[in-house]
Amino acid sequence: MNWNNRYYKIAVYGAATTFLLQLISMFVVDPYFAAVLSPFYSVWIIVFIVGWRKEHPRH
């Protein structure tokens, strides 16, 4: 995998940011509010897959 791919960077940084926001909001705001952020993980997985498809196109 080429980590210079911008889709990989967006996916990894987005997942890490979502995790940190979820962790912080679980203790500061409300545990149920942290559950609102969990659907974003599927978005980061999709962005990662798009990056994979851009790097490895079918022939």
N, C-alpha and C. Protein backbone atom coordinates (compact mmCIF):
# COMPACT_ATOMS: atom_id res chain seq x y z
N MET A 1 0.83 -1.18 0.00
CA MET A 1 0.00 0.00 0.00
C MET A 1 0.88 1.24 0.00
N ASN A 2 0.49 2.17 -0.81
CA ASN A 2 1.19 3.43 -0.91
C ASN A 2 0.52 4.44 0.02
N TRP A 3 1.18 4.78 1.11
CA TRP A 3 0.56 5.69 2.08
C TRP A 3 0.56 7.13 1.61
N ASN A 4 1.10 7.41 0.43
CA ASN A 4 1.00 8.74 -0.15
C ASN A 4 -0.36 8.97 -0.80
N ASN A 5 -1.15 7.92 -0.90
CA ASN A 5 -2.49 8.02 -1.44
C ASN A 5 -3.34 8.87 -0.50
N ARG A 6 -3.95 9.92 -1.02
CA ARG A 6 -4.68 10.85 -0.16
C ARG A 6 -5.93 10.22 0.45
N TYR A 7 -6.52 9.24 -0.21
CA TYR A 7 -7.69 8.57 0.33
C TYR A 7 -7.34 7.78 1.60
N TYR A 8 -6.16 7.15 1.60
CA TYR A 8 -5.73 6.42 2.77
C TYR A 8 -5.54 7.37 3.95
N LYS A 9 -4.91 8.49 3.68
CA LYS A 9 -4.67 9.46 4.75
C LYS A 9 -5.98 10.00 5.31
N ILE A 10 -6.92 10.32 4.42
CA ILE A 10 -8.21 10.83 4.88
C ILE A 10 -8.93 9.78 5.71
N ALA A 11 -8.89 8.54 5.27
CA ALA A 11 -9.58 7.47 6.00
C ALA A 11 -8.96 7.23 7.38
N VAL A 12 -7.66 7.17 7.44
CA VAL A 12 -7.00 6.89 8.72
C VAL A 12 -7.15 8.06 9.69
N TYR A 13 -6.93 9.28 9.20
CA TYR A 13 -7.08 10.45 10.07
C TYR A 13 -8.53 10.65 10.48
N GLY A 14 -9.45 10.39 9.60
CA GLY A 14 -10.86 10.51 9.94
C GLY A 14 -11.29 9.50 10.98
N ALA A 15 -10.84 8.25 10.84
CA ALA A 15 -11.19 7.22 11.82
C ALA A 15 -10.56 7.53 13.18
N ALA A 16 -9.33 8.02 13.18
CA ALA A 16 -8.68 8.36 14.44
C ALA A 16 -9.38 9.55 15.11
N THR A 17 -9.74 10.54 14.32
CA THR A 17 -10.46 11.70 14.87
C THR A 17 -11.82 11.30 15.41
N THR A 18 -12.52 10.46 14.69
CA THR A 18 -13.83 9.99 15.16
C THR A 18 -13.68 9.22 16.46
N PHE A 19 -12.66 8.38 16.54
CA PHE A 19 -12.45 7.62 17.76
C PHE A 19 -12.15 8.53 18.94
N LEU A 20 -11.29 9.52 18.74
CA LEU A 20 -10.96 10.44 19.82
C LEU A 20 -12.17 11.28 20.23
N LEU A 21 -12.94 11.75 19.26
CA LEU A 21 -14.16 12.50 19.59
C LEU A 21 -15.15 11.63 20.35
N GLN A 22 -15.25 10.39 19.96
CA GLN A 22 -16.15 9.47 20.63
C GLN A 22 -15.69 9.21 22.07
N LEU A 23 -14.42 9.05 22.25
CA LEU A 23 -13.88 8.80 23.58
C LEU A 23 -14.06 10.01 24.49
N ILE A 24 -13.76 11.17 23.97
CA ILE A 24 -13.91 12.40 24.76
C ILE A 24 -15.37 12.68 25.08
N SER A 25 -16.23 12.56 24.09
CA SER A 25 -17.65 12.87 24.34
C SER A 25 -18.31 11.84 25.25
N MET A 26 -17.75 10.64 25.31
CA MET A 26 -18.31 9.63 26.19
C MET A 26 -18.14 10.04 27.66
N PHE A 27 -17.02 10.67 27.97
CA PHE A 27 -16.77 11.06 29.35
C PHE A 27 -17.25 12.47 29.66
N VAL A 28 -17.19 13.37 28.69
CA VAL A 28 -17.51 14.76 28.96
C VAL A 28 -19.00 15.04 28.79
N VAL A 29 -19.59 14.58 27.70
CA VAL A 29 -20.98 14.94 27.41
C VAL A 29 -21.92 13.84 27.90
N ASP A 30 -21.97 12.75 27.16
CA ASP A 30 -22.92 11.69 27.48
C ASP A 30 -22.53 10.45 26.68
N PRO A 31 -22.62 9.27 27.26
CA PRO A 31 -22.28 8.06 26.50
C PRO A 31 -23.20 7.84 25.31
N TYR A 32 -24.44 8.26 25.42
CA TYR A 32 -25.37 8.08 24.29
C TYR A 32 -25.05 9.04 23.15
N PHE A 33 -24.49 10.19 23.46
CA PHE A 33 -24.08 11.12 22.41
C PHE A 33 -22.90 10.56 21.63
N ALA A 34 -22.05 9.80 22.27
CA ALA A 34 -20.90 9.19 21.59
C ALA A 34 -21.36 8.18 20.55
N ALA A 35 -22.52 7.57 20.77
CA ALA A 35 -23.03 6.59 19.81
C ALA A 35 -23.46 7.24 18.51
N VAL A 36 -23.69 8.54 18.51
CA VAL A 36 -24.07 9.25 17.29
C VAL A 36 -22.92 9.25 16.28
N LEU A 37 -21.70 9.21 16.76
CA LEU A 37 -20.53 9.27 15.88
C LEU A 37 -20.15 7.92 15.27
N SER A 38 -20.68 6.83 15.76
CA SER A 38 -20.26 5.51 15.29
C SER A 38 -20.59 5.23 13.82
N PRO A 39 -21.65 5.79 13.22
CA PRO A 39 -21.85 5.52 11.79
C PRO A 39 -20.77 6.09 10.87
N PHE A 40 -19.95 6.99 11.38
CA PHE A 40 -18.89 7.55 10.54
C PHE A 40 -17.80 6.53 10.24
N TYR A 41 -17.68 5.46 11.01
CA TYR A 41 -16.66 4.45 10.73
C TYR A 41 -16.91 3.78 9.38
N SER A 42 -18.16 3.58 9.03
CA SER A 42 -18.44 2.99 7.72
C SER A 42 -18.03 3.95 6.60
N VAL A 43 -18.15 5.24 6.83
CA VAL A 43 -17.72 6.22 5.83
C VAL A 43 -16.21 6.13 5.63
N TRP A 44 -15.46 6.00 6.70
CA TRP A 44 -14.00 5.92 6.58
C TRP A 44 -13.58 4.62 5.91
N ILE A 45 -14.31 3.54 6.13
CA ILE A 45 -14.01 2.28 5.45
C ILE A 45 -14.27 2.42 3.95
N ILE A 46 -15.36 3.09 3.59
CA ILE A 46 -15.68 3.30 2.18
C ILE A 46 -14.61 4.17 1.52
N VAL A 47 -14.15 5.22 2.19
CA VAL A 47 -13.10 6.07 1.64
C VAL A 47 -11.81 5.27 1.45
N PHE A 48 -11.50 4.39 2.39
CA PHE A 48 -10.32 3.54 2.26
C PHE A 48 -10.44 2.61 1.06
N ILE A 49 -11.61 2.05 0.85
CA ILE A 49 -11.83 1.16 -0.29
C ILE A 49 -11.74 1.93 -1.61
N VAL A 50 -12.25 3.15 -1.63
CA VAL A 50 -12.13 3.98 -2.84
C VAL A 50 -10.65 4.23 -3.15
N GLY A 51 -9.86 4.50 -2.12
CA GLY A 51 -8.43 4.68 -2.33
C GLY A 51 -7.76 3.42 -2.85
N TRP A 52 -8.19 2.28 -2.34
CA TRP A 52 -7.65 1.01 -2.82
C TRP A 52 -7.98 0.81 -4.29
N ARG A 53 -9.21 1.13 -4.68
CA ARG A 53 -9.62 0.95 -6.07
C ARG A 53 -8.91 1.95 -6.99
N LYS A 54 -8.59 3.13 -6.49
CA LYS A 54 -7.83 4.09 -7.30
C LYS A 54 -6.40 3.63 -7.50
N GLU A 55 -5.84 2.99 -6.49
CA GLU A 55 -4.45 2.54 -6.57
C GLU A 55 -4.31 1.25 -7.35
N HIS A 56 -5.33 0.37 -7.27
CA HIS A 56 -5.29 -0.93 -7.94
C HIS A 56 -6.50 -1.09 -8.85
N PRO A 57 -6.51 -0.41 -9.99
CA PRO A 57 -7.67 -0.54 -10.89
C PRO A 57 -7.68 -1.90 -11.57
N ARG A 58 -8.86 -2.31 -11.97
CA ARG A 58 -8.97 -3.57 -12.73
C ARG A 58 -8.47 -3.37 -14.14
N HIS A 59 -7.94 -4.42 -14.69
CA HIS A 59 -7.39 -4.31 -16.07
C HIS A 59 -8.40 -4.79 -17.07
